[in-house]
Amino acid sequence: MKDIRIVTGFRKSSYSGQAGNCIEVARTADGGTAVRDSKRRDGAKQFYGPSGWAAFIAAVRTGAFDG
C-alpha cells in the first residue's frame, strides 16, 4: 500500500500569476507528490507517484500542454 501522508508543507510557484489559477504541491511519505487547488485548500487532492510526477514535469517542460 502506498503511503500518501503529506510530509512537507504545500507550496506554490513564485511564477504564479495574479489570476488565482494556481496549484500547490507537497511531497508525500512515499516520495510522490500531492497536488491541490490554491483556492480550495480544504478540497480534494490528487496524488502522483514519483514516476508519474516526473513524466508530468517532463511534459510541461517540452510544452505538451501549451495551447
PDB file of N, CA and C in Angstrom:
ATOM      1  N   MET A   1       0.842  -1.186   0.000  1.00  0.00           N
ATOM      2  CA  MET A   1       0.000   0.000   0.000  1.00  0.00           C
ATOM      3  C   MET A   1       0.883   1.244   0.000  1.00  0.00           C
ATOM      4  N   LYS A   2       0.514   2.226  -0.801  1.00  0.00           N
ATOM      5  CA  LYS A   2       1.262   3.476  -0.867  1.00  0.00           C
ATOM      6  C   LYS A   2       1.036   4.291   0.398  1.00  0.00           C
ATOM      7  N   ASP A   3       2.083   4.996   0.801  1.00  0.00           N
ATOM      8  CA  ASP A   3       1.997   5.876   1.965  1.00  0.00           C
ATOM      9  C   ASP A   3       1.860   7.306   1.446  1.00  0.00           C
ATOM     10  N   ILE A   4       0.623   7.817   1.428  1.00  0.00           N
ATOM     11  CA  ILE A   4       0.385   9.143   0.844  1.00  0.00           C
ATOM     12  C   ILE A   4       0.261  10.244   1.903  1.00  0.00           C
ATOM     13  N   ARG A   5       0.773   9.968   3.093  1.00  0.00           N
ATOM     14  CA  ARG A   5       0.789  11.045   4.091  1.00  0.00           C
ATOM     15  C   ARG A   5       1.635  12.204   3.562  1.00  0.00           C
ATOM     16  N   ILE A   6       1.145  13.394   3.736  1.00  0.00           N
ATOM     17  CA  ILE A   6       1.864  14.585   3.280  1.00  0.00           C
ATOM     18  C   ILE A   6       2.914  14.924   4.326  1.00  0.00           C
ATOM     19  N   VAL A   7       4.181  14.982   3.889  1.00  0.00           N
ATOM     20  CA  VAL A   7       5.279  15.167   4.832  1.00  0.00           C
ATOM     21  C   VAL A   7       5.954  16.533   4.724  1.00  0.00           C
ATOM     22  N   THR A   8       5.554  17.341   3.763  1.00  0.00           N
ATOM     23  CA  THR A   8       6.067  18.713   3.679  1.00  0.00           C
ATOM     24  C   THR A   8       4.878  19.652   3.555  1.00  0.00           C
ATOM     25  N   GLY A   9       5.102  20.905   3.804  1.00  0.00           N
ATOM     26  CA  GLY A   9       4.038  21.876   3.598  1.00  0.00           C
ATOM     27  C   GLY A   9       3.783  22.079   2.112  1.00  0.00           C
ATOM     28  N   PHE A  10       2.567  22.457   1.773  1.00  0.00           N
ATOM     29  CA  PHE A  10       2.252  22.772   0.377  1.00  0.00           C
ATOM     30  C   PHE A  10       2.946  24.070  -0.011  1.00  0.00           C
ATOM     31  N   ARG A  11       3.367  24.145  -1.261  1.00  0.00           N
ATOM     32  CA  ARG A  11       3.996  25.376  -1.754  1.00  0.00           C
ATOM     33  C   ARG A  11       3.460  25.700  -3.140  1.00  0.00           C
ATOM     34  N   LYS A  12       3.486  26.981  -3.452  1.00  0.00           N
ATOM     35  CA  LYS A  12       3.005  27.482  -4.742  1.00  0.00           C
ATOM     36  C   LYS A  12       4.186  28.120  -5.463  1.00  0.00           C
ATOM     37  N   SER A  13       4.248  27.960  -6.755  1.00  0.00           N
ATOM     38  CA  SER A  13       5.339  28.514  -7.545  1.00  0.00           C
ATOM     39  C   SER A  13       5.391  30.033  -7.433  1.00  0.00           C
ATOM     40  N   SER A  14       6.593  30.557  -7.422  1.00  0.00           N
ATOM     41  CA  SER A  14       6.759  32.014  -7.430  1.00  0.00           C
ATOM     42  C   SER A  14       6.392  32.595  -8.795  1.00  0.00           C
ATOM     43  N   TYR A  15       6.200  31.743  -9.795  1.00  0.00           N
ATOM     44  CA  TYR A  15       5.797  32.183 -11.132  1.00  0.00           C
ATOM     45  C   TYR A  15       4.283  32.294 -11.269  1.00  0.00           C
ATOM     46  N   SER A  16       3.542  31.991 -10.224  1.00  0.00           N
ATOM     47  CA  SER A  16       2.078  32.049 -10.279  1.00  0.00           C
ATOM     48  C   SER A  16       1.616  33.471 -10.561  1.00  0.00           C
ATOM     49  N   GLY A  17       0.605  33.586 -11.379  1.00  0.00           N
ATOM     50  CA  GLY A  17       0.070  34.897 -11.725  1.00  0.00           C
ATOM     51  C   GLY A  17      -0.944  35.385 -10.710  1.00  0.00           C
ATOM     52  N   GLN A  18      -1.510  36.543 -10.963  1.00  0.00           N
ATOM     53  CA  GLN A  18      -2.476  37.153 -10.057  1.00  0.00           C
ATOM     54  C   GLN A  18      -3.903  36.678 -10.299  1.00  0.00           C
ATOM     55  N   ALA A  19      -4.141  35.888 -11.345  1.00  0.00           N
ATOM     56  CA  ALA A  19      -5.497  35.446 -11.678  1.00  0.00           C
ATOM     57  C   ALA A  19      -6.039  34.417 -10.693  1.00  0.00           C
ATOM     58  N   GLY A  20      -5.170  33.826  -9.893  1.00  0.00           N
ATOM     59  CA  GLY A  20      -5.621  32.857  -8.905  1.00  0.00           C
ATOM     60  C   GLY A  20      -5.808  31.451  -9.444  1.00  0.00           C
ATOM     61  N   ASN A  21      -5.359  31.193 -10.667  1.00  0.00           N
ATOM     62  CA  ASN A  21      -5.460  29.856 -11.252  1.00  0.00           C
ATOM     63  C   ASN A  21      -4.190  29.076 -10.948  1.00  0.00           C
ATOM     64  N   CYS A  22      -4.014  28.715  -9.689  1.00  0.00           N
ATOM     65  CA  CYS A  22      -2.763  28.122  -9.244  1.00  0.00           C
ATOM     66  C   CYS A  22      -2.993  26.768  -8.590  1.00  0.00           C
ATOM     67  N   ILE A  23      -1.939  25.959  -8.631  1.00  0.00           N
ATOM     68  CA  ILE A  23      -1.938  24.732  -7.853  1.00  0.00           C
ATOM     69  C   ILE A  23      -0.829  24.835  -6.818  1.00  0.00           C
ATOM     70  N   GLU A  24      -0.939  24.025  -5.791  1.00  0.00           N
ATOM     71  CA  GLU A  24       0.100  23.918  -4.779  1.00  0.00           C
ATOM     72  C   GLU A  24       0.515  22.457  -4.713  1.00  0.00           C
ATOM     73  N   VAL A  25       1.790  22.213  -4.424  1.00  0.00           N
ATOM     74  CA  VAL A  25       2.297  20.848  -4.361  1.00  0.00           C
ATOM     75  C   VAL A  25       2.987  20.593  -3.031  1.00  0.00           C
ATOM     76  N   ALA A  26       2.989  19.317  -2.627  1.00  0.00           N
ATOM     77  CA  ALA A  26       3.679  18.885  -1.414  1.00  0.00           C
ATOM     78  C   ALA A  26       4.199  17.475  -1.646  1.00  0.00           C
ATOM     79  N   ARG A  27       5.225  17.090  -0.940  1.00  0.00           N
ATOM     80  CA  ARG A  27       5.776  15.736  -1.012  1.00  0.00           C
ATOM     81  C   ARG A  27       4.992  14.799  -0.105  1.00  0.00           C
ATOM     82  N   THR A  28       4.920  13.539  -0.522  1.00  0.00           N
ATOM     83  CA  THR A  28       4.276  12.511   0.292  1.00  0.00           C
ATOM     84  C   THR A  28       5.341  11.567   0.841  1.00  0.00           C
ATOM     85  N   ALA A  29       4.965  10.787   1.847  1.00  0.00           N
ATOM     86  CA  ALA A  29       5.910   9.907   2.522  1.00  0.00           C
ATOM     87  C   ALA A  29       6.535   8.875   1.588  1.00  0.00           C
ATOM     88  N   ASP A  30       5.837   8.502   0.521  1.00  0.00           N
ATOM     89  CA  ASP A  30       6.384   7.503  -0.409  1.00  0.00           C
ATOM     90  C   ASP A  30       7.223   8.126  -1.523  1.00  0.00           C
ATOM     91  N   GLY A  31       7.519   9.427  -1.417  1.00  0.00           N
ATOM     92  CA  GLY A  31       8.322  10.103  -2.427  1.00  0.00           C
ATOM     93  C   GLY A  31       7.514  10.682  -3.567  1.00  0.00           C
ATOM     94  N   GLY A  32       6.204  10.585  -3.478  1.00  0.00           N
ATOM     95  CA  GLY A  32       5.326  11.124  -4.509  1.00  0.00           C
ATOM     96  C   GLY A  32       5.002  12.585  -4.267  1.00  0.00           C
ATOM     97  N   THR A  33       3.983  13.055  -4.958  1.00  0.00           N
ATOM     98  CA  THR A  33       3.581  14.457  -4.887  1.00  0.00           C
ATOM     99  C   THR A  33       2.075  14.565  -4.735  1.00  0.00           C
ATOM    100  N   ALA A  34       1.648  15.432  -3.832  1.00  0.00           N
ATOM    101  CA  ALA A  34       0.231  15.753  -3.662  1.00  0.00           C
ATOM    102  C   ALA A  34      -0.008  17.114  -4.303  1.00  0.00           C
ATOM    103  N   VAL A  35      -1.146  17.258  -4.974  1.00  0.00           N
ATOM    104  CA  VAL A  35      -1.484  18.497  -5.681  1.00  0.00           C
ATOM    105  C   VAL A  35      -2.865  18.957  -5.236  1.00  0.00           C
ATOM    106  N   ARG A  36      -3.006  20.261  -4.995  1.00  0.00           N
ATOM    107  CA  ARG A  36      -4.319  20.814  -4.638  1.00  0.00           C
ATOM    108  C   ARG A  36      -4.503  22.171  -5.303  1.00  0.00           C
ATOM    109  N   ASP A  37      -5.747  22.615  -5.373  1.00  0.00           N
ATOM    110  CA  ASP A  37      -6.110  23.929  -5.905  1.00  0.00           C
ATOM    111  C   ASP A  37      -5.834  24.967  -4.820  1.00  0.00           C
ATOM    112  N   SER A  38      -5.123  26.017  -5.149  1.00  0.00           N
ATOM    113  CA  SER A  38      -4.775  27.026  -4.146  1.00  0.00           C
ATOM    114  C   SER A  38      -5.993  27.780  -3.614  1.00  0.00           C
ATOM    115  N   LYS A  39      -7.091  27.783  -4.366  1.00  0.00           N
ATOM    116  CA  LYS A  39      -8.309  28.466  -3.905  1.00  0.00           C
ATOM    117  C   LYS A  39      -9.182  27.563  -3.035  1.00  0.00           C
ATOM    118  N   ARG A  40      -8.933  26.251  -3.068  1.00  0.00           N
ATOM    119  CA  ARG A  40      -9.760  25.295  -2.318  1.00  0.00           C
ATOM    120  C   ARG A  40      -8.849  24.383  -1.506  1.00  0.00           C
ATOM    121  N   ARG A  41      -8.135  24.953  -0.584  1.00  0.00           N
ATOM    122  CA  ARG A  41      -7.136  24.209   0.176  1.00  0.00           C
ATOM    123  C   ARG A  41      -7.708  23.053   0.978  1.00  0.00           C
ATOM    124  N   ASP A  42      -8.963  23.131   1.356  1.00  0.00           N
ATOM    125  CA  ASP A  42      -9.596  22.036   2.091  1.00  0.00           C
ATOM    126  C   ASP A  42     -10.258  21.026   1.159  1.00  0.00           C
ATOM    127  N   GLY A  43     -10.196  21.274  -0.139  1.00  0.00           N
ATOM    128  CA  GLY A  43     -10.838  20.406  -1.122  1.00  0.00           C
ATOM    129  C   GLY A  43     -10.017  19.158  -1.419  1.00  0.00           C
ATOM    130  N   ALA A  44     -10.428  18.469  -2.452  1.00  0.00           N
ATOM    131  CA  ALA A  44      -9.778  17.222  -2.859  1.00  0.00           C
ATOM    132  C   ALA A  44      -8.335  17.466  -3.297  1.00  0.00           C
ATOM    133  N   LYS A  45      -7.525  16.449  -3.105  1.00  0.00           N
ATOM    134  CA  LYS A  45      -6.138  16.474  -3.537  1.00  0.00           C
ATOM    135  C   LYS A  45      -5.914  15.326  -4.512  1.00  0.00           C
ATOM    136  N   GLN A  46      -4.984  15.508  -5.413  1.00  0.00           N
ATOM    137  CA  GLN A  46      -4.575  14.436  -6.316  1.00  0.00           C
ATOM    138  C   GLN A  46      -3.191  13.987  -5.891  1.00  0.00           C
ATOM    139  N   PHE A  47      -2.958  12.687  -5.988  1.00  0.00           N
ATOM    140  CA  PHE A  47      -1.680  12.122  -5.573  1.00  0.00           C
ATOM    141  C   PHE A  47      -1.020  11.426  -6.753  1.00  0.00           C
ATOM    142  N   TYR A  48       0.280  11.668  -6.921  1.00  0.00           N
ATOM    143  CA  TYR A  48       1.060  11.085  -8.010  1.00  0.00           C
ATOM    144  C   TYR A  48       2.291  10.405  -7.430  1.00  0.00           C
ATOM    145  N   GLY A  49       2.600   9.223  -7.937  1.00  0.00           N
ATOM    146  CA  GLY A  49       3.836   8.548  -7.567  1.00  0.00           C
ATOM    147  C   GLY A  49       5.022   9.267  -8.188  1.00  0.00           C
ATOM    148  N   PRO A  50       6.243   8.931  -7.755  1.00  0.00           N
ATOM    149  CA  PRO A  50       7.426   9.616  -8.277  1.00  0.00           C
ATOM    150  C   PRO A  50       7.554   9.562  -9.802  1.00  0.00           C
ATOM    151  N   SER A  51       7.303   8.417 -10.417  1.00  0.00           N
ATOM    152  CA  SER A  51       7.469   8.322 -11.873  1.00  0.00           C
ATOM    153  C   SER A  51       6.371   9.083 -12.616  1.00  0.00           C
ATOM    154  N   GLY A  52       5.156   9.065 -12.098  1.00  0.00           N
ATOM    155  CA  GLY A  52       4.063   9.814 -12.718  1.00  0.00           C
ATOM    156  C   GLY A  52       4.304  11.310 -12.659  1.00  0.00           C
ATOM    157  N   TRP A  53       4.789  11.791 -11.523  1.00  0.00           N
ATOM    158  CA  TRP A  53       5.071  13.218 -11.382  1.00  0.00           C
ATOM    159  C   TRP A  53       6.223  13.630 -12.298  1.00  0.00           C
ATOM    160  N   ALA A  54       7.262  12.801 -12.377  1.00  0.00           N
ATOM    161  CA  ALA A  54       8.400  13.103 -13.252  1.00  0.00           C
ATOM    162  C   ALA A  54       7.955  13.182 -14.712  1.00  0.00           C
ATOM    163  N   ALA A  55       7.061  12.292 -15.126  1.00  0.00           N
ATOM    164  CA  ALA A  55       6.551  12.312 -16.501  1.00  0.00           C
ATOM    165  C   ALA A  55       5.741  13.582 -16.757  1.00  0.00           C
ATOM    166  N   PHE A  56       4.939  14.001 -15.780  1.00  0.00           N
ATOM    167  CA  PHE A  56       4.156  15.228 -15.917  1.00  0.00           C
ATOM    168  C   PHE A  56       5.076  16.443 -16.068  1.00  0.00           C
ATOM    169  N   ILE A  57       6.078  16.552 -15.213  1.00  0.00           N
ATOM    170  CA  ILE A  57       7.008  17.687 -15.272  1.00  0.00           C
ATOM    171  C   ILE A  57       7.750  17.699 -16.610  1.00  0.00           C
ATOM    172  N   ALA A  58       8.172  16.531 -17.090  1.00  0.00           N
ATOM    173  CA  ALA A  58       8.853  16.452 -18.388  1.00  0.00           C
ATOM    174  C   ALA A  58       7.940  16.946 -19.505  1.00  0.00           C
ATOM    175  N   ALA A  59       6.664  16.579 -19.455  1.00  0.00           N
ATOM    176  CA  ALA A  59       5.708  17.020 -20.478  1.00  0.00           C
ATOM    177  C   ALA A  59       5.500  18.529 -20.425  1.00  0.00           C
ATOM    178  N   VAL A  60       5.427  19.090 -19.223  1.00  0.00           N
ATOM    179  CA  VAL A  60       5.284  20.545 -19.080  1.00  0.00           C
ATOM    180  C   VAL A  60       6.489  21.248 -19.700  1.00  0.00           C
ATOM    181  N   ARG A  61       7.672  20.748 -19.399  1.00  0.00           N
ATOM    182  CA  ARG A  61       8.900  21.387 -19.897  1.00  0.00           C
ATOM    183  C   ARG A  61       9.024  21.338 -21.419  1.00  0.00           C
ATOM    184  N   THR A  62       8.441  20.324 -22.042  1.00  0.00           N
ATOM    185  CA  THR A  62       8.519  20.221 -23.506  1.00  0.00           C
ATOM    186  C   THR A  62       7.369  20.934 -24.197  1.00  0.00           C
ATOM    187  N   GLY A  63       6.456  21.527 -23.417  1.00  0.00           N
ATOM    188  CA  GLY A  63       5.348  22.278 -23.996  1.00  0.00           C
ATOM    189  C   GLY A  63       4.163  21.430 -24.412  1.00  0.00           C
ATOM    190  N   ALA A  64       4.068  20.215 -23.897  1.00  0.00           N
ATOM    191  CA  ALA A  64       2.996  19.299 -24.291  1.00  0.00           C
ATOM    192  C   ALA A  64       1.597  19.843 -23.995  1.00  0.00           C
ATOM    193  N   PHE A  65       1.475  20.752 -23.038  1.00  0.00           N
ATOM    194  CA  PHE A  65       0.161  21.266 -22.659  1.00  0.00           C
ATOM    195  C   PHE A  65      -0.088  22.690 -23.142  1.00  0.00           C
ATOM    196  N   ASP A  66       0.858  23.236 -23.880  1.00  0.00           N
ATOM    197  CA  ASP A  66       0.693  24.601 -24.390  1.00  0.00           C
ATOM    198  C   ASP A  66      -0.449  24.635 -25.400  1.00  0.00           C
ATOM    199  N   GLY A  67      -1.296  25.617 -25.266  1.00  0.00           N
ATOM    200  CA  GLY A  67      -2.452  25.716 -26.153  1.00  0.00           C
ATOM    201  C   GLY A  67      -2.136  26.473 -27.344  1.00  0.00           C
TER     202      GLY A  67
END
